[in-house]
Amino acid sequence: MNDQKYDIIIFGATSFVGQIMTRYIKQKFNDNSLSWAIAGRSKEKLKKLTKEINGSEIET
């Protein structure tokens, strides 16, 4: 289990509202002042979403 702490975890990040929230958090806190993560049922959808908002996949 990962013991890393996050200020915010967006559950359901690949849903319609989750994607809006993910993009908002990325835009608003791009300066790394907030530690945040996304979660969802589909690892492939999460990878696709992170690639869309970051330009590359992040570690899952």
PDB file of N, CA and C in Angstrom:
ATOM      1  N   MET A   1       0.841  -1.184   0.000  1.00  0.00           N
ATOM      2  CA  MET A   1       0.000   0.000   0.000  1.00  0.00           C
ATOM      3  C   MET A   1       0.880   1.239   0.000  1.00  0.00           C
ATOM      4  N   ASN A   2       0.470   2.232  -0.736  1.00  0.00           N
ATOM      5  CA  ASN A   2       1.205   3.486  -0.844  1.00  0.00           C
ATOM      6  C   ASN A   2       0.844   4.391   0.333  1.00  0.00           C
ATOM      7  N   ASP A   3       1.847   4.845   1.067  1.00  0.00           N
ATOM      8  CA  ASP A   3       1.617   5.708   2.229  1.00  0.00           C
ATOM      9  C   ASP A   3       1.676   7.188   1.893  1.00  0.00           C
ATOM     10  N   GLN A   4       1.721   7.505   0.607  1.00  0.00           N
ATOM     11  CA  GLN A   4       1.813   8.908   0.201  1.00  0.00           C
ATOM     12  C   GLN A   4       0.530   9.649   0.550  1.00  0.00           C
ATOM     13  N   LYS A   5       0.676  10.869   1.036  1.00  0.00           N
ATOM     14  CA  LYS A   5      -0.467  11.698   1.426  1.00  0.00           C
ATOM     15  C   LYS A   5      -0.776  12.705   0.325  1.00  0.00           C
ATOM     16  N   TYR A   6      -2.048  12.952   0.115  1.00  0.00           N
ATOM     17  CA  TYR A   6      -2.502  13.927  -0.873  1.00  0.00           C
ATOM     18  C   TYR A   6      -3.459  14.906  -0.204  1.00  0.00           C
ATOM     19  N   ASP A   7      -3.435  16.148  -0.669  1.00  0.00           N
ATOM     20  CA  ASP A   7      -4.400  17.137  -0.191  1.00  0.00           C
ATOM     21  C   ASP A   7      -5.792  16.812  -0.724  1.00  0.00           C
ATOM     22  N   ILE A   8      -5.859  16.368  -1.984  1.00  0.00           N
ATOM     23  CA  ILE A   8      -7.133  16.048  -2.644  1.00  0.00           C
ATOM     24  C   ILE A   8      -6.959  14.781  -3.468  1.00  0.00           C
ATOM     25  N   ILE A   9      -7.963  13.912  -3.425  1.00  0.00           N
ATOM     26  CA  ILE A   9      -8.041  12.776  -4.335  1.00  0.00           C
ATOM     27  C   ILE A   9      -9.371  12.892  -5.064  1.00  0.00           C
ATOM     28  N   ILE A  10      -9.317  12.910  -6.386  1.00  0.00           N
ATOM     29  CA  ILE A  10     -10.535  12.994  -7.191  1.00  0.00           C
ATOM     30  C   ILE A  10     -10.939  11.570  -7.559  1.00  0.00           C
ATOM     31  N   PHE A  11     -11.978  11.065  -6.901  1.00  0.00           N
ATOM     32  CA  PHE A  11     -12.506   9.742  -7.210  1.00  0.00           C
ATOM     33  C   PHE A  11     -13.476   9.870  -8.378  1.00  0.00           C
ATOM     34  N   GLY A  12     -13.482   8.882  -9.260  1.00  0.00           N
ATOM     35  CA  GLY A  12     -14.338   8.956 -10.438  1.00  0.00           C
ATOM     36  C   GLY A  12     -13.818   9.973 -11.441  1.00  0.00           C
ATOM     37  N   ALA A  13     -12.513  10.093 -11.530  1.00  0.00           N
ATOM     38  CA  ALA A  13     -11.887  11.131 -12.351  1.00  0.00           C
ATOM     39  C   ALA A  13     -12.187  10.996 -13.838  1.00  0.00           C
ATOM     40  N   THR A  14     -12.541   9.812 -14.301  1.00  0.00           N
ATOM     41  CA  THR A  14     -12.805   9.643 -15.731  1.00  0.00           C
ATOM     42  C   THR A  14     -14.268   9.895 -16.094  1.00  0.00           C
ATOM     43  N   SER A  15     -15.105  10.162 -15.102  1.00  0.00           N
ATOM     44  CA  SER A  15     -16.500  10.517 -15.393  1.00  0.00           C
ATOM     45  C   SER A  15     -16.543  11.932 -15.966  1.00  0.00           C
ATOM     46  N   PHE A  16     -17.688  12.348 -16.458  1.00  0.00           N
ATOM     47  CA  PHE A  16     -17.827  13.687 -17.048  1.00  0.00           C
ATOM     48  C   PHE A  16     -17.424  14.775 -16.057  1.00  0.00           C
ATOM     49  N   VAL A  17     -18.020  14.743 -14.876  1.00  0.00           N
ATOM     50  CA  VAL A  17     -17.718  15.756 -13.856  1.00  0.00           C
ATOM     51  C   VAL A  17     -16.289  15.577 -13.336  1.00  0.00           C
ATOM     52  N   GLY A  18     -15.841  14.339 -13.204  1.00  0.00           N
ATOM     53  CA  GLY A  18     -14.482  14.075 -12.755  1.00  0.00           C
ATOM     54  C   GLY A  18     -13.435  14.659 -13.690  1.00  0.00           C
ATOM     55  N   GLN A  19     -13.687  14.573 -14.990  1.00  0.00           N
ATOM     56  CA  GLN A  19     -12.761  15.145 -15.967  1.00  0.00           C
ATOM     57  C   GLN A  19     -12.735  16.666 -15.872  1.00  0.00           C
ATOM     58  N   ILE A  20     -13.895  17.263 -15.676  1.00  0.00           N
ATOM     59  CA  ILE A  20     -13.957  18.720 -15.507  1.00  0.00           C
ATOM     60  C   ILE A  20     -13.166  19.124 -14.269  1.00  0.00           C
ATOM     61  N   MET A  21     -13.376  18.417 -13.181  1.00  0.00           N
ATOM     62  CA  MET A  21     -12.685  18.720 -11.927  1.00  0.00           C
ATOM     63  C   MET A  21     -11.173  18.515 -12.063  1.00  0.00           C
ATOM     64  N   THR A  22     -10.776  17.439 -12.716  1.00  0.00           N
ATOM     65  CA  THR A  22      -9.357  17.153 -12.918  1.00  0.00           C
ATOM     66  C   THR A  22      -8.682  18.259 -13.717  1.00  0.00           C
ATOM     67  N   ARG A  23      -9.332  18.688 -14.784  1.00  0.00           N
ATOM     68  CA  ARG A  23      -8.760  19.768 -15.601  1.00  0.00           C
ATOM     69  C   ARG A  23      -8.707  21.083 -14.819  1.00  0.00           C
ATOM     70  N   TYR A  24      -9.713  21.338 -14.010  1.00  0.00           N
ATOM     71  CA  TYR A  24      -9.737  22.557 -13.198  1.00  0.00           C
ATOM     72  C   TYR A  24      -8.585  22.559 -12.187  1.00  0.00           C
ATOM     73  N   ILE A  25      -8.421  21.463 -11.466  1.00  0.00           N
ATOM     74  CA  ILE A  25      -7.350  21.366 -10.470  1.00  0.00           C
ATOM     75  C   ILE A  25      -5.986  21.501 -11.147  1.00  0.00           C
ATOM     76  N   LYS A  26      -5.814  20.852 -12.293  1.00  0.00           N
ATOM     77  CA  LYS A  26      -4.549  20.940 -13.030  1.00  0.00           C
ATOM     78  C   LYS A  26      -4.252  22.389 -13.422  1.00  0.00           C
ATOM     79  N   GLN A  27      -5.278  23.091 -13.912  1.00  0.00           N
ATOM     80  CA  GLN A  27      -5.097  24.480 -14.346  1.00  0.00           C
ATOM     81  C   GLN A  27      -4.870  25.412 -13.150  1.00  0.00           C
ATOM     82  N   LYS A  28      -5.645  25.242 -12.111  1.00  0.00           N
ATOM     83  CA  LYS A  28      -5.611  26.147 -10.963  1.00  0.00           C
ATOM     84  C   LYS A  28      -4.361  25.960 -10.098  1.00  0.00           C
ATOM     85  N   PHE A  29      -3.900  24.721  -9.954  1.00  0.00           N
ATOM     86  CA  PHE A  29      -2.793  24.420  -9.050  1.00  0.00           C
ATOM     87  C   PHE A  29      -1.599  23.818  -9.786  1.00  0.00           C
ATOM     88  N   ASN A  30      -1.326  24.299 -10.973  1.00  0.00           N
ATOM     89  CA  ASN A  30      -0.222  23.791 -11.784  1.00  0.00           C
ATOM     90  C   ASN A  30       1.139  24.134 -11.184  1.00  0.00           C
ATOM     91  N   ASP A  31       1.159  25.003 -10.183  1.00  0.00           N
ATOM     92  CA  ASP A  31       2.415  25.415  -9.551  1.00  0.00           C
ATOM     93  C   ASP A  31       2.876  24.443  -8.463  1.00  0.00           C
ATOM     94  N   ASN A  32       2.217  23.295  -8.367  1.00  0.00           N
ATOM     95  CA  ASN A  32       2.555  22.253  -7.386  1.00  0.00           C
ATOM     96  C   ASN A  32       2.341  22.676  -5.937  1.00  0.00           C
ATOM     97  N   SER A  33       1.485  23.665  -5.709  1.00  0.00           N
ATOM     98  CA  SER A  33       1.180  24.077  -4.337  1.00  0.00           C
ATOM     99  C   SER A  33       0.202  23.116  -3.663  1.00  0.00           C
ATOM    100  N   LEU A  34      -0.366  22.210  -4.450  1.00  0.00           N
ATOM    101  CA  LEU A  34      -1.351  21.255  -3.950  1.00  0.00           C
ATOM    102  C   LEU A  34      -0.925  19.856  -4.369  1.00  0.00           C
ATOM    103  N   SER A  35      -0.960  18.938  -3.439  1.00  0.00           N
ATOM    104  CA  SER A  35      -0.652  17.546  -3.739  1.00  0.00           C
ATOM    105  C   SER A  35      -1.973  16.834  -4.012  1.00  0.00           C
ATOM    106  N   TRP A  36      -2.146  16.325  -5.233  1.00  0.00           N
ATOM    107  CA  TRP A  36      -3.424  15.718  -5.574  1.00  0.00           C
ATOM    108  C   TRP A  36      -3.236  14.486  -6.443  1.00  0.00           C
ATOM    109  N   ALA A  37      -4.284  13.665  -6.472  1.00  0.00           N
ATOM    110  CA  ALA A  37      -4.253  12.418  -7.223  1.00  0.00           C
ATOM    111  C   ALA A  37      -5.628  12.170  -7.824  1.00  0.00           C
ATOM    112  N   ILE A  38      -5.656  11.289  -8.825  1.00  0.00           N
ATOM    113  CA  ILE A  38      -6.936  10.886  -9.407  1.00  0.00           C
ATOM    114  C   ILE A  38      -7.119   9.386  -9.203  1.00  0.00           C
ATOM    115  N   ALA A  39      -8.372   8.976  -9.134  1.00  0.00           N
ATOM    116  CA  ALA A  39      -8.703   7.568  -8.950  1.00  0.00           C
ATOM    117  C   ALA A  39      -9.925   7.237  -9.789  1.00  0.00           C
ATOM    118  N   GLY A  40      -9.995   5.998 -10.222  1.00  0.00           N
ATOM    119  CA  GLY A  40     -11.132   5.542 -11.008  1.00  0.00           C
ATOM    120  C   GLY A  40     -11.076   4.035 -11.167  1.00  0.00           C
ATOM    121  N   ARG A  41     -12.097   3.476 -11.786  1.00  0.00           N
ATOM    122  CA  ARG A  41     -12.174   2.025 -11.935  1.00  0.00           C
ATOM    123  C   ARG A  41     -11.303   1.495 -13.068  1.00  0.00           C
ATOM    124  N   SER A  42     -11.107   2.299 -14.115  1.00  0.00           N
ATOM    125  CA  SER A  42     -10.383   1.833 -15.288  1.00  0.00           C
ATOM    126  C   SER A  42      -8.986   2.444 -15.356  1.00  0.00           C
ATOM    127  N   LYS A  43      -7.984   1.596 -15.202  1.00  0.00           N
ATOM    128  CA  LYS A  43      -6.598   2.060 -15.278  1.00  0.00           C
ATOM    129  C   LYS A  43      -6.300   2.656 -16.658  1.00  0.00           C
ATOM    130  N   GLU A  44      -6.842   2.051 -17.698  1.00  0.00           N
ATOM    131  CA  GLU A  44      -6.611   2.547 -19.060  1.00  0.00           C
ATOM    132  C   GLU A  44      -7.222   3.933 -19.258  1.00  0.00           C
ATOM    133  N   LYS A  45      -8.425   4.154 -18.741  1.00  0.00           N
ATOM    134  CA  LYS A  45      -9.055   5.475 -18.849  1.00  0.00           C
ATOM    135  C   LYS A  45      -8.286   6.523 -18.054  1.00  0.00           C
ATOM    136  N   LEU A  46      -7.760   6.132 -16.893  1.00  0.00           N
ATOM    137  CA  LEU A  46      -6.955   7.057 -16.092  1.00  0.00           C
ATOM    138  C   LEU A  46      -5.674   7.432 -16.829  1.00  0.00           C
ATOM    139  N   LYS A  47      -5.034   6.450 -17.462  1.00  0.00           N
ATOM    140  CA  LYS A  47      -3.829   6.730 -18.244  1.00  0.00           C
ATOM    141  C   LYS A  47      -4.137   7.683 -19.393  1.00  0.00           C
ATOM    142  N   LYS A  48      -5.261   7.449 -20.066  1.00  0.00           N
ATOM    143  CA  LYS A  48      -5.662   8.313 -21.180  1.00  0.00           C
ATOM    144  C   LYS A  48      -5.912   9.742 -20.687  1.00  0.00           C
ATOM    145  N   LEU A  49      -6.600   9.881 -19.570  1.00  0.00           N
ATOM    146  CA  LEU A  49      -6.891  11.201 -19.013  1.00  0.00           C
ATOM    147  C   LEU A  49      -5.607  11.927 -18.624  1.00  0.00           C
ATOM    148  N   THR A  50      -4.692  11.237 -17.964  1.00  0.00           N
ATOM    149  CA  THR A  50      -3.437  11.894 -17.568  1.00  0.00           C
ATOM    150  C   THR A  50      -2.619  12.295 -18.786  1.00  0.00           C
ATOM    151  N   LYS A  51      -2.668  11.487 -19.823  1.00  0.00           N
ATOM    152  CA  LYS A  51      -1.947  11.839 -21.053  1.00  0.00           C
ATOM    153  C   LYS A  51      -2.560  13.077 -21.694  1.00  0.00           C
ATOM    154  N   GLU A  52      -3.883  13.182 -21.663  1.00  0.00           N
ATOM    155  CA  GLU A  52      -4.570  14.345 -22.233  1.00  0.00           C
ATOM    156  C   GLU A  52      -4.239  15.626 -21.477  1.00  0.00           C
ATOM    157  N   ILE A  53      -4.194  15.568 -20.158  1.00  0.00           N
ATOM    158  CA  ILE A  53      -3.980  16.806 -19.396  1.00  0.00           C
ATOM    159  C   ILE A  53      -2.508  17.128 -19.168  1.00  0.00           C
ATOM    160  N   ASN A  54      -1.632  16.121 -19.227  1.00  0.00           N
ATOM    161  CA  ASN A  54      -0.206  16.348 -18.975  1.00  0.00           C
ATOM    162  C   ASN A  54       0.659  16.273 -20.222  1.00  0.00           C
ATOM    163  N   GLY A  55       0.138  15.670 -21.266  1.00  0.00           N
ATOM    164  CA  GLY A  55       0.954  15.454 -22.448  1.00  0.00           C
ATOM    165  C   GLY A  55       1.731  14.148 -22.378  1.00  0.00           C
ATOM    166  N   SER A  56       1.704  13.484 -21.220  1.00  0.00           N
ATOM    167  CA  SER A  56       2.341  12.182 -21.057  1.00  0.00           C
ATOM    168  C   SER A  56       1.673  11.466 -19.890  1.00  0.00           C
ATOM    169  N   GLU A  57       1.816  10.144 -19.871  1.00  0.00           N
ATOM    170  CA  GLU A  57       1.216   9.366 -18.790  1.00  0.00           C
ATOM    171  C   GLU A  57       1.995   9.579 -17.503  1.00  0.00           C
ATOM    172  N   ILE A  58       1.295   9.436 -16.387  1.00  0.00           N
ATOM    173  CA  ILE A  58       1.968   9.502 -15.096  1.00  0.00           C
ATOM    174  C   ILE A  58       1.967   8.114 -14.485  1.00  0.00           C
ATOM    175  N   GLU A  59       2.764   7.923 -13.472  1.00  0.00           N
ATOM    176  CA  GLU A  59       2.865   6.623 -12.818  1.00  0.00           C
ATOM    177  C   GLU A  59       1.548   6.252 -12.165  1.00  0.00           C
ATOM    178  N   THR A  60       1.138   4.991 -12.344  1.00  0.00           N
ATOM    179  CA  THR A  60      -0.104   4.522 -11.727  1.00  0.00           C
ATOM    180  C   THR A  60       0.196   3.477 -10.686  1.00  0.00           C
TER     181      THR A  60
END
